[in-house]
Amino acid sequence: MDDLKKGLYIVSTPIGNLDDISIRAKNILSLSDFIICENPKHSIKLLNKLGIKKKLFPLHDYNEFSLIRRVDKYKDNSVIALISDAGSPLVSDPGYNLVKNYIKNDIFVTSIPGPSSVITSLQLSGLPSNNFIFFGFVPKNKGALSKMATKALALDFTSIFFISANRLLFFLQEIKGISKDIDVAICKELTKI
């Protein structure tokens, strides 16, 4: 493990309980040359718990292309870890363009699997888990939100959404207006102590 292949490691982090970090994820983070993270203030909590001190580069939707240019000089000779604030990076989090850039340039990319709020909520929902679709964040626009609800209900899959508490009631009312006979599970704070 000490001699890691140079490239990009997409590392899943805990979605609540920091003890959910995998041994492999901890090893990759400790052996990386630097870490690209969504929010350094958030990521430092996990790294402090693990006793890891690394240079952190913030990544968000508004700086992804400038970050790609900034770390470009390191991509051939560094072990770079990509983490999000919680769970599996790129699942409703930035990083897609970074990964795409590495693949396009034929640079090693791998994923270190771990916690995912999408899968955890599916497991806890009591809803069919053999066929499901993940819609990501529910739109803020009420028309688009209503359109998404209609589309989800037309499918024969368990549908998973990310939604803020202040829009949840409206979304549930939209669903009820479309179909009164539907099972719904609401999952929050999935692995917090």
N, C-alpha and C. Protein backbone atom coordinates (compact mmCIF):
# COMPACT_ATOMS: atom_id res chain seq x y z
N MET A 1 0.82 -1.20 0.00
CA MET A 1 0.00 0.00 0.00
C MET A 1 0.86 1.26 0.00
N ASP A 2 2.11 1.16 0.49
CA ASP A 2 2.96 2.34 0.58
C ASP A 2 3.33 2.91 -0.79
N ASP A 3 3.34 2.07 -1.82
CA ASP A 3 3.73 2.52 -3.14
C ASP A 3 2.49 2.59 -4.04
N LEU A 4 1.72 3.63 -3.87
CA LEU A 4 0.49 3.79 -4.63
C LEU A 4 0.79 4.25 -6.05
N LYS A 5 -0.04 3.79 -6.96
CA LYS A 5 0.05 4.24 -8.35
C LYS A 5 -0.33 5.72 -8.39
N LYS A 6 0.40 6.50 -9.15
CA LYS A 6 0.11 7.93 -9.27
C LYS A 6 -1.22 8.11 -10.00
N GLY A 7 -2.03 9.05 -9.56
CA GLY A 7 -3.31 9.31 -10.18
C GLY A 7 -4.32 9.84 -9.20
N LEU A 8 -5.58 9.69 -9.56
CA LEU A 8 -6.69 10.25 -8.79
C LEU A 8 -7.46 9.13 -8.09
N TYR A 9 -7.63 9.27 -6.78
CA TYR A 9 -8.35 8.30 -5.96
C TYR A 9 -9.62 8.98 -5.46
N ILE A 10 -10.76 8.48 -5.89
CA ILE A 10 -12.06 9.01 -5.48
C ILE A 10 -12.43 8.26 -4.20
N VAL A 11 -12.35 8.95 -3.06
CA VAL A 11 -12.45 8.31 -1.75
C VAL A 11 -13.77 8.66 -1.07
N SER A 12 -14.55 7.64 -0.77
CA SER A 12 -15.80 7.85 -0.04
C SER A 12 -15.51 8.10 1.43
N THR A 13 -16.26 9.01 2.01
CA THR A 13 -16.10 9.37 3.42
C THR A 13 -17.41 9.13 4.16
N PRO A 14 -17.38 9.10 5.48
CA PRO A 14 -18.61 8.85 6.26
C PRO A 14 -19.72 9.84 5.95
N ILE A 15 -20.96 9.37 6.06
CA ILE A 15 -22.12 10.25 5.85
C ILE A 15 -22.68 10.77 7.16
N GLY A 16 -22.02 10.51 8.24
CA GLY A 16 -22.47 10.99 9.54
C GLY A 16 -21.50 10.58 10.62
N ASN A 17 -21.46 9.30 10.92
CA ASN A 17 -20.58 8.77 11.96
C ASN A 17 -19.18 8.64 11.39
N LEU A 18 -18.23 9.41 11.91
CA LEU A 18 -16.87 9.41 11.38
C LEU A 18 -16.18 8.06 11.50
N ASP A 19 -16.68 7.19 12.37
CA ASP A 19 -16.09 5.85 12.51
C ASP A 19 -16.42 4.94 11.34
N ASP A 20 -17.26 5.40 10.42
CA ASP A 20 -17.60 4.60 9.25
C ASP A 20 -16.54 4.65 8.16
N ILE A 21 -15.44 5.33 8.37
CA ILE A 21 -14.37 5.41 7.37
C ILE A 21 -13.74 4.03 7.22
N SER A 22 -13.44 3.64 6.00
CA SER A 22 -12.82 2.33 5.79
C SER A 22 -11.31 2.43 6.02
N ILE A 23 -10.70 1.31 6.32
CA ILE A 23 -9.25 1.26 6.52
C ILE A 23 -8.55 1.68 5.22
N ARG A 24 -9.05 1.18 4.09
CA ARG A 24 -8.45 1.53 2.81
C ARG A 24 -8.54 3.03 2.53
N ALA A 25 -9.71 3.63 2.82
CA ALA A 25 -9.88 5.07 2.61
C ALA A 25 -8.90 5.85 3.49
N LYS A 26 -8.75 5.44 4.74
CA LYS A 26 -7.82 6.11 5.65
C LYS A 26 -6.39 6.01 5.10
N ASN A 27 -6.02 4.83 4.62
CA ASN A 27 -4.67 4.64 4.07
C ASN A 27 -4.43 5.53 2.85
N ILE A 28 -5.40 5.59 1.95
CA ILE A 28 -5.25 6.42 0.75
C ILE A 28 -5.09 7.89 1.14
N LEU A 29 -5.92 8.35 2.07
CA LEU A 29 -5.85 9.75 2.50
C LEU A 29 -4.50 10.05 3.14
N SER A 30 -3.99 9.12 3.94
CA SER A 30 -2.72 9.38 4.62
C SER A 30 -1.54 9.32 3.66
N LEU A 31 -1.65 8.57 2.56
CA LEU A 31 -0.55 8.43 1.61
C LEU A 31 -0.66 9.39 0.42
N SER A 32 -1.75 10.13 0.34
CA SER A 32 -1.92 11.06 -0.79
C SER A 32 -0.97 12.24 -0.64
N ASP A 33 -0.63 12.82 -1.78
CA ASP A 33 0.21 14.02 -1.77
C ASP A 33 -0.60 15.25 -1.36
N PHE A 34 -1.85 15.29 -1.76
CA PHE A 34 -2.79 16.33 -1.32
C PHE A 34 -4.20 15.83 -1.55
N ILE A 35 -5.15 16.57 -0.99
CA ILE A 35 -6.56 16.16 -1.04
C ILE A 35 -7.39 17.29 -1.65
N ILE A 36 -8.19 16.93 -2.63
CA ILE A 36 -9.17 17.84 -3.20
C ILE A 36 -10.47 17.56 -2.46
N CYS A 37 -11.05 18.60 -1.88
CA CYS A 37 -12.25 18.39 -1.05
C CYS A 37 -13.28 19.46 -1.35
N GLU A 38 -14.49 19.15 -1.01
CA GLU A 38 -15.60 20.07 -1.25
C GLU A 38 -15.48 21.32 -0.37
N ASN A 39 -15.26 21.10 0.92
CA ASN A 39 -15.18 22.20 1.87
C ASN A 39 -14.09 21.90 2.90
N PRO A 40 -12.95 22.58 2.82
CA PRO A 40 -11.86 22.28 3.75
C PRO A 40 -12.26 22.36 5.23
N LYS A 41 -13.13 23.30 5.59
CA LYS A 41 -13.56 23.42 6.99
C LYS A 41 -14.28 22.16 7.46
N HIS A 42 -15.02 21.55 6.56
CA HIS A 42 -15.72 20.30 6.89
C HIS A 42 -14.75 19.12 6.88
N SER A 43 -13.92 19.04 5.86
CA SER A 43 -13.01 17.91 5.70
C SER A 43 -11.97 17.83 6.80
N ILE A 44 -11.56 18.97 7.33
CA ILE A 44 -10.52 18.99 8.36
C ILE A 44 -10.97 18.24 9.61
N LYS A 45 -12.27 18.21 9.88
CA LYS A 45 -12.79 17.47 11.05
C LYS A 45 -12.47 15.99 10.92
N LEU A 46 -12.74 15.42 9.77
CA LEU A 46 -12.44 14.01 9.53
C LEU A 46 -10.94 13.77 9.56
N LEU A 47 -10.18 14.61 8.88
CA LEU A 47 -8.73 14.42 8.82
C LEU A 47 -8.09 14.55 10.20
N ASN A 48 -8.57 15.49 11.01
CA ASN A 48 -8.05 15.61 12.38
C ASN A 48 -8.34 14.36 13.18
N LYS A 49 -9.53 13.81 13.03
CA LYS A 49 -9.88 12.57 13.75
C LYS A 49 -8.95 11.43 13.33
N LEU A 50 -8.56 11.41 12.06
CA LEU A 50 -7.69 10.36 11.54
C LEU A 50 -6.20 10.66 11.76
N GLY A 51 -5.90 11.85 12.26
CA GLY A 51 -4.51 12.24 12.47
C GLY A 51 -3.76 12.50 11.18
N ILE A 52 -4.47 12.98 10.16
CA ILE A 52 -3.89 13.21 8.84
C ILE A 52 -3.79 14.71 8.59
N LYS A 53 -2.61 15.16 8.19
CA LYS A 53 -2.39 16.57 7.84
C LYS A 53 -1.94 16.60 6.38
N LYS A 54 -2.76 17.18 5.54
CA LYS A 54 -2.47 17.29 4.10
C LYS A 54 -2.89 18.66 3.60
N LYS A 55 -2.29 19.09 2.50
CA LYS A 55 -2.74 20.30 1.83
C LYS A 55 -4.10 20.00 1.22
N LEU A 56 -5.05 20.92 1.42
CA LEU A 56 -6.41 20.74 0.90
C LEU A 56 -6.68 21.77 -0.19
N PHE A 57 -7.24 21.31 -1.29
CA PHE A 57 -7.68 22.18 -2.37
C PHE A 57 -9.20 22.13 -2.42
N PRO A 58 -9.89 23.26 -2.23
CA PRO A 58 -11.36 23.23 -2.28
C PRO A 58 -11.88 23.06 -3.71
N LEU A 59 -12.94 22.32 -3.83
CA LEU A 59 -13.60 22.07 -5.13
C LEU A 59 -15.09 22.29 -4.97
N HIS A 60 -15.64 23.15 -5.81
CA HIS A 60 -17.09 23.34 -5.83
C HIS A 60 -17.51 23.60 -7.27
N ASP A 61 -18.80 23.70 -7.50
CA ASP A 61 -19.31 23.84 -8.86
C ASP A 61 -18.76 25.06 -9.59
N TYR A 62 -18.34 26.09 -8.86
CA TYR A 62 -17.94 27.34 -9.49
C TYR A 62 -16.44 27.44 -9.75
N ASN A 63 -15.64 26.48 -9.24
CA ASN A 63 -14.20 26.59 -9.45
C ASN A 63 -13.59 25.33 -10.07
N GLU A 64 -14.42 24.41 -10.51
CA GLU A 64 -13.90 23.12 -10.96
C GLU A 64 -12.89 23.26 -12.10
N PHE A 65 -13.18 24.07 -13.09
CA PHE A 65 -12.26 24.19 -14.23
C PHE A 65 -10.97 24.91 -13.84
N SER A 66 -11.06 25.91 -12.97
CA SER A 66 -9.84 26.57 -12.51
C SER A 66 -9.02 25.63 -11.62
N LEU A 67 -9.68 24.79 -10.85
CA LEU A 67 -8.96 23.82 -10.03
C LEU A 67 -8.24 22.80 -10.92
N ILE A 68 -8.89 22.36 -11.97
CA ILE A 68 -8.26 21.41 -12.90
C ILE A 68 -6.97 22.02 -13.44
N ARG A 69 -7.01 23.29 -13.84
CA ARG A 69 -5.80 23.96 -14.33
C ARG A 69 -4.75 24.09 -13.22
N ARG A 70 -5.21 24.36 -12.02
CA ARG A 70 -4.29 24.56 -10.89
C ARG A 70 -3.52 23.29 -10.52
N VAL A 71 -4.19 22.13 -10.57
CA VAL A 71 -3.54 20.87 -10.17
C VAL A 71 -2.96 20.11 -11.37
N ASP A 72 -3.12 20.67 -12.56
CA ASP A 72 -2.67 19.99 -13.77
C ASP A 72 -1.19 19.58 -13.70
N LYS A 73 -0.36 20.41 -13.13
CA LYS A 73 1.08 20.12 -13.07
C LYS A 73 1.41 18.93 -12.16
N TYR A 74 0.46 18.53 -11.31
CA TYR A 74 0.69 17.43 -10.38
C TYR A 74 0.14 16.09 -10.87
N LYS A 75 -0.70 16.12 -11.91
CA LYS A 75 -1.49 14.94 -12.22
C LYS A 75 -0.68 13.72 -12.65
N ASP A 76 0.50 13.90 -13.22
CA ASP A 76 1.30 12.76 -13.68
C ASP A 76 2.20 12.17 -12.60
N ASN A 77 2.46 12.92 -11.54
CA ASN A 77 3.45 12.44 -10.57
C ASN A 77 2.97 12.50 -9.12
N SER A 78 1.66 12.54 -8.91
CA SER A 78 1.13 12.65 -7.55
C SER A 78 0.01 11.67 -7.30
N VAL A 79 -0.13 11.32 -6.04
CA VAL A 79 -1.31 10.58 -5.57
C VAL A 79 -2.26 11.64 -5.03
N ILE A 80 -3.40 11.78 -5.70
CA ILE A 80 -4.37 12.82 -5.35
C ILE A 80 -5.66 12.15 -4.90
N ALA A 81 -6.14 12.56 -3.73
CA ALA A 81 -7.41 12.05 -3.22
C ALA A 81 -8.49 13.10 -3.46
N LEU A 82 -9.67 12.63 -3.87
CA LEU A 82 -10.85 13.48 -4.03
C LEU A 82 -11.89 13.01 -3.05
N ILE A 83 -12.33 13.91 -2.16
CA ILE A 83 -13.39 13.58 -1.21
C ILE A 83 -14.48 14.64 -1.28
N SER A 84 -15.68 14.27 -0.85
CA SER A 84 -16.76 15.24 -0.72
C SER A 84 -17.02 15.43 0.78
N ASP A 85 -17.98 16.26 1.11
CA ASP A 85 -18.27 16.50 2.52
C ASP A 85 -18.76 15.23 3.21
N ALA A 86 -19.45 14.39 2.48
CA ALA A 86 -19.97 13.15 3.07
C ALA A 86 -20.37 12.19 1.96
N GLY A 87 -20.03 10.93 2.14
CA GLY A 87 -20.45 9.90 1.20
C GLY A 87 -19.55 9.78 0.00
N SER A 88 -20.13 9.33 -1.08
CA SER A 88 -19.37 9.04 -2.29
C SER A 88 -19.26 10.28 -3.17
N PRO A 89 -18.03 10.73 -3.46
CA PRO A 89 -17.86 11.90 -4.31
C PRO A 89 -18.55 11.73 -5.66
N LEU A 90 -18.96 12.84 -6.25
CA LEU A 90 -19.62 12.95 -7.54
C LEU A 90 -21.11 12.63 -7.48
N VAL A 91 -21.63 12.09 -6.37
CA VAL A 91 -23.06 11.83 -6.26
C VAL A 91 -23.68 13.10 -5.70
N SER A 92 -24.20 13.93 -6.60
CA SER A 92 -24.73 15.26 -6.28
C SER A 92 -23.67 16.16 -5.66
N ASP A 93 -22.42 15.92 -6.00
CA ASP A 93 -21.29 16.72 -5.54
C ASP A 93 -20.39 17.02 -6.73
N PRO A 94 -19.57 18.05 -6.64
CA PRO A 94 -18.66 18.37 -7.75
C PRO A 94 -17.59 17.30 -7.94
N GLY A 95 -16.93 17.33 -9.09
CA GLY A 95 -15.82 16.43 -9.36
C GLY A 95 -15.90 15.73 -10.69
N TYR A 96 -17.06 15.77 -11.32
CA TYR A 96 -17.26 15.08 -12.60
C TYR A 96 -16.25 15.53 -13.65
N ASN A 97 -16.08 16.84 -13.79
CA ASN A 97 -15.17 17.36 -14.81
C ASN A 97 -13.72 17.02 -14.51
N LEU A 98 -13.36 16.97 -13.24
CA LEU A 98 -12.02 16.58 -12.84
C LEU A 98 -11.74 15.13 -13.25
N VAL A 99 -12.66 14.24 -12.92
CA VAL A 99 -12.51 12.83 -13.27
C VAL A 99 -12.47 12.67 -14.79
N LYS A 100 -13.37 13.35 -15.48
CA LYS A 100 -13.42 13.29 -16.94
C LYS A 100 -12.09 13.73 -17.54
N ASN A 101 -11.48 14.78 -16.98
CA ASN A 101 -10.20 15.29 -17.44
C ASN A 101 -9.10 14.23 -17.27
N TYR A 102 -9.08 13.56 -16.15
CA TYR A 102 -8.08 12.52 -15.90
C TYR A 102 -8.26 11.35 -16.87
N ILE A 103 -9.48 10.93 -17.07
CA ILE A 103 -9.76 9.82 -17.99
C ILE A 103 -9.35 10.21 -19.41
N LYS A 104 -9.72 11.41 -19.82
CA LYS A 104 -9.39 11.89 -21.17
C LYS A 104 -7.88 11.93 -21.40
N ASN A 105 -7.12 12.24 -20.35
CA ASN A 105 -5.66 12.31 -20.45
C ASN A 105 -4.99 10.98 -20.10
N ASP A 106 -5.78 9.91 -20.02
CA ASP A 106 -5.28 8.57 -19.77
C ASP A 106 -4.42 8.48 -18.51
N ILE A 107 -4.92 9.13 -17.45
CA ILE A 107 -4.25 9.10 -16.15
C ILE A 107 -5.09 8.21 -15.23
N PHE A 108 -4.42 7.43 -14.43
CA PHE A 108 -5.05 6.46 -13.55
C PHE A 108 -6.10 7.13 -12.65
N VAL A 109 -7.30 6.54 -12.63
CA VAL A 109 -8.40 6.96 -11.76
C VAL A 109 -9.01 5.71 -11.16
N THR A 110 -9.25 5.73 -9.86
CA THR A 110 -9.93 4.61 -9.23
C THR A 110 -10.83 5.14 -8.11
N SER A 111 -11.73 4.28 -7.67
CA SER A 111 -12.68 4.64 -6.63
C SER A 111 -12.45 3.77 -5.40
N ILE A 112 -12.46 4.40 -4.25
CA ILE A 112 -12.38 3.70 -2.97
C ILE A 112 -13.81 3.72 -2.42
N PRO A 113 -14.53 2.60 -2.55
CA PRO A 113 -15.95 2.59 -2.18
C PRO A 113 -16.16 2.78 -0.68
N GLY A 114 -17.36 3.19 -0.37
CA GLY A 114 -17.69 3.40 1.04
C GLY A 114 -19.12 3.87 1.18
N PRO A 115 -19.39 4.61 2.24
CA PRO A 115 -20.76 5.03 2.54
C PRO A 115 -21.40 5.84 1.43
N SER A 116 -22.69 5.62 1.25
CA SER A 116 -23.48 6.36 0.28
C SER A 116 -24.87 6.57 0.87
N SER A 117 -25.28 7.81 0.99
CA SER A 117 -26.62 8.08 1.54
C SER A 117 -27.71 7.54 0.62
N VAL A 118 -27.43 7.46 -0.68
CA VAL A 118 -28.41 6.93 -1.63
C VAL A 118 -28.70 5.47 -1.29
N ILE A 119 -27.66 4.66 -1.18
CA ILE A 119 -27.84 3.24 -0.89
C ILE A 119 -28.35 3.02 0.52
N THR A 120 -27.82 3.76 1.49
CA THR A 120 -28.28 3.60 2.87
C THR A 120 -29.76 3.90 3.00
N SER A 121 -30.23 4.97 2.35
CA SER A 121 -31.66 5.30 2.43
C SER A 121 -32.50 4.24 1.72
N LEU A 122 -32.00 3.70 0.62
CA LEU A 122 -32.72 2.63 -0.07
C LEU A 122 -32.84 1.40 0.83
N GLN A 123 -31.76 1.05 1.50
CA GLN A 123 -31.78 -0.10 2.39
C GLN A 123 -32.76 0.08 3.55
N LEU A 124 -32.85 1.29 4.06
CA LEU A 124 -33.69 1.55 5.23
C LEU A 124 -35.15 1.86 4.89
N SER A 125 -35.46 2.08 3.62
CA SER A 125 -36.77 2.57 3.21
C SER A 125 -37.89 1.54 3.32
N GLY A 126 -37.56 0.28 3.18
CA GLY A 126 -38.62 -0.73 3.12
C GLY A 126 -39.29 -0.78 1.76
N LEU A 127 -38.77 -0.02 0.81
CA LEU A 127 -39.30 0.01 -0.55
C LEU A 127 -38.51 -0.95 -1.43
N PRO A 128 -39.06 -1.38 -2.55
CA PRO A 128 -38.33 -2.31 -3.42
C PRO A 128 -36.95 -1.76 -3.80
N SER A 129 -35.94 -2.60 -3.66
CA SER A 129 -34.57 -2.14 -3.91
C SER A 129 -33.94 -2.79 -5.14
N ASN A 130 -34.69 -3.64 -5.83
CA ASN A 130 -34.12 -4.31 -7.00
C ASN A 130 -34.07 -3.39 -8.23
N ASN A 131 -34.95 -2.41 -8.30
CA ASN A 131 -34.94 -1.40 -9.37
C ASN A 131 -35.17 -0.04 -8.74
N PHE A 132 -34.21 0.84 -8.89
CA PHE A 132 -34.39 2.19 -8.35
C PHE A 132 -33.71 3.20 -9.25
N ILE A 133 -34.13 4.46 -9.09
CA ILE A 133 -33.55 5.56 -9.85
C ILE A 133 -33.26 6.69 -8.87
N PHE A 134 -32.10 7.31 -9.04
CA PHE A 134 -31.69 8.42 -8.20
C PHE A 134 -31.83 9.71 -9.00
N PHE A 135 -32.64 10.62 -8.51
CA PHE A 135 -32.89 11.89 -9.20
C PHE A 135 -31.99 13.02 -8.74
N GLY A 136 -31.28 12.86 -7.66
CA GLY A 136 -30.45 13.94 -7.14
C GLY A 136 -31.29 14.95 -6.39
N PHE A 137 -30.83 16.19 -6.36
CA PHE A 137 -31.55 17.23 -5.63
C PHE A 137 -32.80 17.65 -6.38
N VAL A 138 -33.87 17.84 -5.63
CA VAL A 138 -35.14 18.31 -6.17
C VAL A 138 -34.96 19.78 -6.56
N PRO A 139 -35.44 20.18 -7.73
CA PRO A 139 -35.28 21.58 -8.16
C PRO A 139 -35.97 22.56 -7.21
N LYS A 140 -35.44 23.78 -7.16
CA LYS A 140 -36.04 24.82 -6.31
C LYS A 140 -37.29 25.38 -6.97
N ASN A 141 -37.32 25.42 -8.29
CA ASN A 141 -38.46 25.94 -9.04
C ASN A 141 -39.64 24.98 -8.88
N LYS A 142 -40.80 25.51 -8.47
CA LYS A 142 -41.97 24.66 -8.20
C LYS A 142 -42.46 23.93 -9.44
N GLY A 143 -42.37 24.56 -10.61
CA GLY A 143 -42.79 23.91 -11.85
C GLY A 143 -41.89 22.73 -12.18
N ALA A 144 -40.59 22.93 -12.04
CA ALA A 144 -39.64 21.85 -12.32
C ALA A 144 -39.76 20.74 -11.28
N LEU A 145 -40.03 21.12 -10.04
CA LEU A 145 -40.23 20.14 -8.97
C LEU A 145 -41.45 19.28 -9.28
N SER A 146 -42.54 19.90 -9.70
CA SER A 146 -43.76 19.19 -10.04
C SER A 146 -43.52 18.25 -11.23
N LYS A 147 -42.77 18.72 -12.22
CA LYS A 147 -42.45 17.91 -13.39
C LYS A 147 -41.63 16.69 -12.99
N MET A 148 -40.67 16.88 -12.06
CA MET A 148 -39.85 15.76 -11.60
C MET A 148 -40.70 14.73 -10.87
N ALA A 149 -41.63 15.18 -10.03
CA ALA A 149 -42.51 14.27 -9.30
C ALA A 149 -43.37 13.46 -10.27
N THR A 150 -43.91 14.11 -11.28
CA THR A 150 -44.72 13.42 -12.29
C THR A 150 -43.89 12.37 -13.02
N LYS A 151 -42.68 12.73 -13.40
CA LYS A 151 -41.79 11.80 -14.09
C LYS A 151 -41.46 10.59 -13.22
N ALA A 152 -41.16 10.83 -11.95
CA ALA A 152 -40.82 9.74 -11.03
C ALA A 152 -41.98 8.78 -10.85
N LEU A 153 -43.17 9.33 -10.71
CA LEU A 153 -44.34 8.47 -10.49
C LEU A 153 -44.72 7.68 -11.74
N ALA A 154 -44.32 8.13 -12.90
CA ALA A 154 -44.62 7.41 -14.14
C ALA A 154 -43.71 6.19 -14.30
N LEU A 155 -42.60 6.17 -13.60
CA LEU A 155 -41.66 5.06 -13.69
C LEU A 155 -42.05 3.94 -12.74
N ASP A 156 -41.64 2.74 -13.05
CA ASP A 156 -41.93 1.60 -12.18
C ASP A 156 -40.69 1.26 -11.35
N PHE A 157 -40.11 2.29 -10.75
CA PHE A 157 -38.91 2.13 -9.93
C PHE A 157 -39.10 2.85 -8.61
N THR A 158 -38.39 2.41 -7.60
CA THR A 158 -38.28 3.20 -6.39
C THR A 158 -37.45 4.43 -6.77
N SER A 159 -37.95 5.61 -6.42
CA SER A 159 -37.28 6.86 -6.76
C SER A 159 -36.66 7.47 -5.51
N ILE A 160 -35.42 7.92 -5.65
CA ILE A 160 -34.71 8.52 -4.53
C ILE A 160 -34.38 9.96 -4.88
N PHE A 161 -34.66 10.86 -3.93
CA PHE A 161 -34.43 12.29 -4.11
C PHE A 161 -33.66 12.83 -2.92
N PHE A 162 -32.89 13.88 -3.16
CA PHE A 162 -32.35 14.71 -2.08
C PHE A 162 -33.23 15.94 -2.03
N ILE A 163 -33.67 16.31 -0.83
CA ILE A 163 -34.54 17.48 -0.70
C ILE A 163 -34.32 18.14 0.64
N SER A 164 -34.38 19.46 0.66
CA SER A 164 -34.22 20.19 1.93
C SER A 164 -35.53 20.12 2.71
N ALA A 165 -35.41 20.28 4.01
CA ALA A 165 -36.58 20.19 4.89
C ALA A 165 -37.65 21.21 4.53
N ASN A 166 -37.24 22.41 4.10
CA ASN A 166 -38.23 23.46 3.83
C ASN A 166 -39.03 23.22 2.55
N ARG A 167 -38.61 22.31 1.69
CA ARG A 167 -39.38 22.00 0.47
C ARG A 167 -40.05 20.63 0.54
N LEU A 168 -39.80 19.89 1.60
CA LEU A 168 -40.31 18.53 1.71
C LEU A 168 -41.83 18.46 1.68
N LEU A 169 -42.50 19.28 2.47
CA LEU A 169 -43.96 19.24 2.53
C LEU A 169 -44.59 19.53 1.17
N PHE A 170 -44.09 20.56 0.48
CA PHE A 170 -44.62 20.87 -0.84
C PHE A 170 -44.44 19.69 -1.80
N PHE A 171 -43.26 19.08 -1.76
CA PHE A 171 -42.98 17.94 -2.64
C PHE A 171 -43.92 16.77 -2.34
N LEU A 172 -44.14 16.49 -1.07
CA LEU A 172 -45.06 15.41 -0.70
C LEU A 172 -46.49 15.72 -1.14
N GLN A 173 -46.89 16.97 -1.06
CA GLN A 173 -48.23 17.36 -1.52
C GLN A 173 -48.34 17.19 -3.03
N GLU A 174 -47.28 17.51 -3.76
CA GLU A 174 -47.27 17.31 -5.22
C GLU A 174 -47.46 15.83 -5.54
N ILE A 175 -46.73 14.99 -4.85
CA ILE A 175 -46.82 13.54 -5.09
C ILE A 175 -48.23 13.05 -4.77
N LYS A 176 -48.77 13.49 -3.65
CA LYS A 176 -50.12 13.08 -3.25
C LYS A 176 -51.16 13.54 -4.27
N GLY A 177 -50.94 14.72 -4.86
CA GLY A 177 -51.87 15.24 -5.87
C GLY A 177 -51.84 14.41 -7.15
N ILE A 178 -50.73 13.77 -7.42
CA ILE A 178 -50.59 12.96 -8.63
C ILE A 178 -51.06 11.53 -8.38
N SER A 179 -50.72 10.99 -7.22
CA SER A 179 -51.08 9.60 -6.89
C SER A 179 -51.30 9.48 -5.39
N LYS A 180 -52.50 9.11 -5.02
CA LYS A 180 -52.81 8.97 -3.60
C LYS A 180 -52.34 7.64 -3.03
N ASP A 181 -52.04 6.68 -3.90
CA ASP A 181 -51.65 5.34 -3.45
C ASP A 181 -50.15 5.13 -3.71
N ILE A 182 -49.34 5.65 -2.82
CA ILE A 182 -47.90 5.53 -2.99
C ILE A 182 -47.23 5.42 -1.62
N ASP A 183 -46.23 4.58 -1.54
CA ASP A 183 -45.45 4.45 -0.31
C ASP A 183 -44.27 5.41 -0.37
N VAL A 184 -44.02 6.08 0.74
CA VAL A 184 -42.94 7.06 0.82
C VAL A 184 -42.14 6.78 2.08
N ALA A 185 -40.82 6.86 1.98
CA ALA A 185 -39.94 6.79 3.14
C ALA A 185 -39.13 8.08 3.18
N ILE A 186 -39.03 8.66 4.36
CA ILE A 186 -38.22 9.86 4.54
C ILE A 186 -37.06 9.49 5.45
N CYS A 187 -35.85 9.68 4.95
CA CYS A 187 -34.65 9.30 5.70
C CYS A 187 -33.80 10.54 5.95
N LYS A 188 -33.35 10.69 7.19
CA LYS A 188 -32.55 11.86 7.57
C LYS A 188 -31.55 11.42 8.62
N GLU A 189 -30.37 12.07 8.63
CA GLU A 189 -29.34 11.77 9.64
C GLU A 189 -29.11 10.27 9.72
N LEU A 190 -28.77 9.68 8.61
CA LEU A 190 -28.76 8.22 8.45
C LEU A 190 -27.78 7.46 9.35
N THR A 191 -26.62 8.00 9.61
CA THR A 191 -25.67 7.24 10.43
C THR A 191 -25.09 8.05 11.57
N LYS A 192 -25.70 9.16 11.89
CA LYS A 192 -25.17 9.96 13.00
C LYS A 192 -25.35 9.20 14.32
N ILE A 193 -24.45 9.47 15.25
CA ILE A 193 -24.53 8.79 16.55
C ILE A 193 -25.71 9.33 17.32
